[in-house]
N, C-alpha and C. Protein backbone atom coordinates (compact mmCIF):
# COMPACT_ATOMS: atom_id res chain seq x y z
N MET A 1 107.08 -58.37 104.12
CA MET A 1 106.26 -59.01 103.12
C MET A 1 106.19 -58.06 101.92
N PRO A 2 106.49 -58.57 100.74
CA PRO A 2 106.42 -57.73 99.54
C PRO A 2 104.98 -57.26 99.27
N LEU A 3 104.88 -56.06 98.74
CA LEU A 3 103.56 -55.47 98.48
C LEU A 3 102.69 -56.31 97.55
N PRO A 4 103.21 -56.86 96.43
CA PRO A 4 102.33 -57.66 95.56
C PRO A 4 101.75 -58.88 96.28
N LEU A 5 102.56 -59.52 97.13
CA LEU A 5 102.05 -60.67 97.86
C LEU A 5 100.96 -60.25 98.84
N PHE A 6 101.17 -59.15 99.52
CA PHE A 6 100.17 -58.64 100.45
C PHE A 6 98.87 -58.32 99.72
N LEU A 7 98.95 -57.67 98.58
CA LEU A 7 97.75 -57.32 97.82
C LEU A 7 97.03 -58.56 97.30
N MET A 8 97.80 -59.58 96.88
CA MET A 8 97.16 -60.81 96.41
C MET A 8 96.45 -61.52 97.56
N MET A 9 97.06 -61.52 98.74
CA MET A 9 96.40 -62.13 99.90
C MET A 9 95.14 -61.37 100.26
N LEU A 10 95.18 -60.06 100.19
CA LEU A 10 94.01 -59.23 100.49
C LEU A 10 92.88 -59.53 99.51
N VAL A 11 93.20 -59.61 98.23
CA VAL A 11 92.19 -59.93 97.22
C VAL A 11 91.62 -61.33 97.45
N PHE A 12 92.47 -62.28 97.82
CA PHE A 12 92.00 -63.64 98.08
C PHE A 12 91.03 -63.68 99.26
N VAL A 13 91.35 -62.97 100.32
CA VAL A 13 90.48 -62.96 101.51
C VAL A 13 89.13 -62.31 101.19
N ILE A 14 89.15 -61.22 100.45
CA ILE A 14 87.90 -60.55 100.08
C ILE A 14 87.08 -61.44 99.14
N ALA A 15 87.74 -62.13 98.21
CA ALA A 15 87.02 -63.04 97.30
C ALA A 15 86.44 -64.23 98.06
N ALA A 16 87.17 -64.75 99.03
CA ALA A 16 86.66 -65.87 99.82
C ALA A 16 85.46 -65.44 100.64
N ALA A 17 85.49 -64.24 101.21
CA ALA A 17 84.34 -63.75 101.97
C ALA A 17 83.13 -63.56 101.06
N GLY A 18 83.36 -63.02 99.88
CA GLY A 18 82.27 -62.84 98.92
C GLY A 18 81.68 -64.16 98.47
N ALA A 19 82.55 -65.15 98.24
CA ALA A 19 82.05 -66.47 97.83
C ALA A 19 81.26 -67.12 98.96
N THR A 20 81.70 -66.93 100.18
CA THR A 20 80.97 -67.49 101.33
C THR A 20 79.59 -66.86 101.45
N LEU A 21 79.51 -65.55 101.32
CA LEU A 21 78.21 -64.88 101.39
C LEU A 21 77.31 -65.27 100.22
N ALA A 22 77.89 -65.39 99.03
CA ALA A 22 77.09 -65.79 97.86
C ALA A 22 76.54 -67.21 98.04
N LEU A 23 77.37 -68.11 98.57
CA LEU A 23 76.91 -69.47 98.82
C LEU A 23 75.82 -69.49 99.89
N ALA A 24 75.97 -68.66 100.91
CA ALA A 24 74.94 -68.61 101.97
C ALA A 24 73.63 -68.07 101.41
N PHE A 25 73.69 -67.05 100.56
CA PHE A 25 72.47 -66.53 99.94
C PHE A 25 71.84 -67.58 99.03
N TRP A 26 72.67 -68.28 98.26
CA TRP A 26 72.16 -69.29 97.33
C TRP A 26 71.49 -70.44 98.08
N ALA A 27 72.07 -70.84 99.23
CA ALA A 27 71.52 -71.93 100.02
C ALA A 27 70.40 -71.47 100.94
N GLN A 28 70.08 -70.19 100.90
CA GLN A 28 69.03 -69.57 101.70
C GLN A 28 69.24 -69.79 103.20
N VAL A 29 70.51 -69.61 103.61
CA VAL A 29 70.84 -69.67 105.03
C VAL A 29 70.42 -68.34 105.65
N PRO A 30 69.73 -68.36 106.78
CA PRO A 30 69.34 -67.09 107.41
C PRO A 30 70.57 -66.26 107.79
N MET A 31 70.49 -64.96 107.58
CA MET A 31 71.61 -64.09 107.88
C MET A 31 71.97 -64.11 109.37
N MET A 32 70.98 -64.36 110.22
CA MET A 32 71.26 -64.45 111.65
C MET A 32 72.19 -65.64 111.93
N ALA A 33 72.01 -66.74 111.22
CA ALA A 33 72.88 -67.90 111.41
C ALA A 33 74.31 -67.60 110.94
N VAL A 34 74.44 -66.89 109.83
CA VAL A 34 75.77 -66.52 109.33
C VAL A 34 76.44 -65.57 110.31
N ALA A 35 75.67 -64.61 110.83
CA ALA A 35 76.22 -63.66 111.79
C ALA A 35 76.62 -64.35 113.09
N LEU A 36 75.82 -65.30 113.54
CA LEU A 36 76.14 -66.03 114.77
C LEU A 36 77.39 -66.89 114.58
N ALA A 37 77.53 -67.50 113.42
CA ALA A 37 78.73 -68.30 113.14
C ALA A 37 79.98 -67.42 113.11
N ALA A 38 79.87 -66.24 112.49
CA ALA A 38 81.01 -65.33 112.44
C ALA A 38 81.36 -64.82 113.83
N LEU A 39 80.36 -64.50 114.63
CA LEU A 39 80.60 -64.01 115.98
C LEU A 39 81.25 -65.08 116.84
N SER A 40 80.76 -66.31 116.76
CA SER A 40 81.33 -67.37 117.58
C SER A 40 82.77 -67.69 117.14
N ALA A 41 83.03 -67.66 115.85
CA ALA A 41 84.40 -67.89 115.37
C ALA A 41 85.33 -66.78 115.84
N SER A 42 84.85 -65.54 115.82
CA SER A 42 85.65 -64.43 116.30
C SER A 42 85.95 -64.55 117.79
N LEU A 43 84.96 -64.96 118.55
CA LEU A 43 85.18 -65.14 119.99
C LEU A 43 86.16 -66.27 120.27
N MET A 44 86.07 -67.36 119.51
CA MET A 44 87.00 -68.47 119.71
C MET A 44 88.44 -68.04 119.39
N LEU A 45 88.61 -67.30 118.30
CA LEU A 45 89.95 -66.83 117.96
C LEU A 45 90.47 -65.85 119.00
N GLY A 46 89.60 -65.00 119.51
CA GLY A 46 90.00 -64.05 120.53
C GLY A 46 90.42 -64.75 121.82
N LEU A 47 89.68 -65.77 122.22
CA LEU A 47 90.05 -66.53 123.41
C LEU A 47 91.35 -67.29 123.21
N ARG A 48 91.55 -67.78 122.00
CA ARG A 48 92.78 -68.52 121.70
C ARG A 48 94.00 -67.61 121.78
N GLN A 49 93.89 -66.37 121.34
CA GLN A 49 95.00 -65.44 121.39
C GLN A 49 95.22 -64.92 122.79
N TRP A 50 94.17 -64.86 123.58
CA TRP A 50 94.26 -64.32 124.93
C TRP A 50 95.05 -65.24 125.85
N ARG A 51 94.92 -66.55 125.64
CA ARG A 51 95.60 -67.54 126.49
C ARG A 51 97.04 -67.54 126.30
């Protein structure tokens, strides 16, 4: 993978995470709910790769 493409993907992922957190703060979603959603998504992806 060329370096510029990798860096653009990295910037996109960081911007998407920032936008998600900003939207959660704006909508006044409790941080525990955001953390629980991230944890459950991580566990689902981990189980999917394990199989």
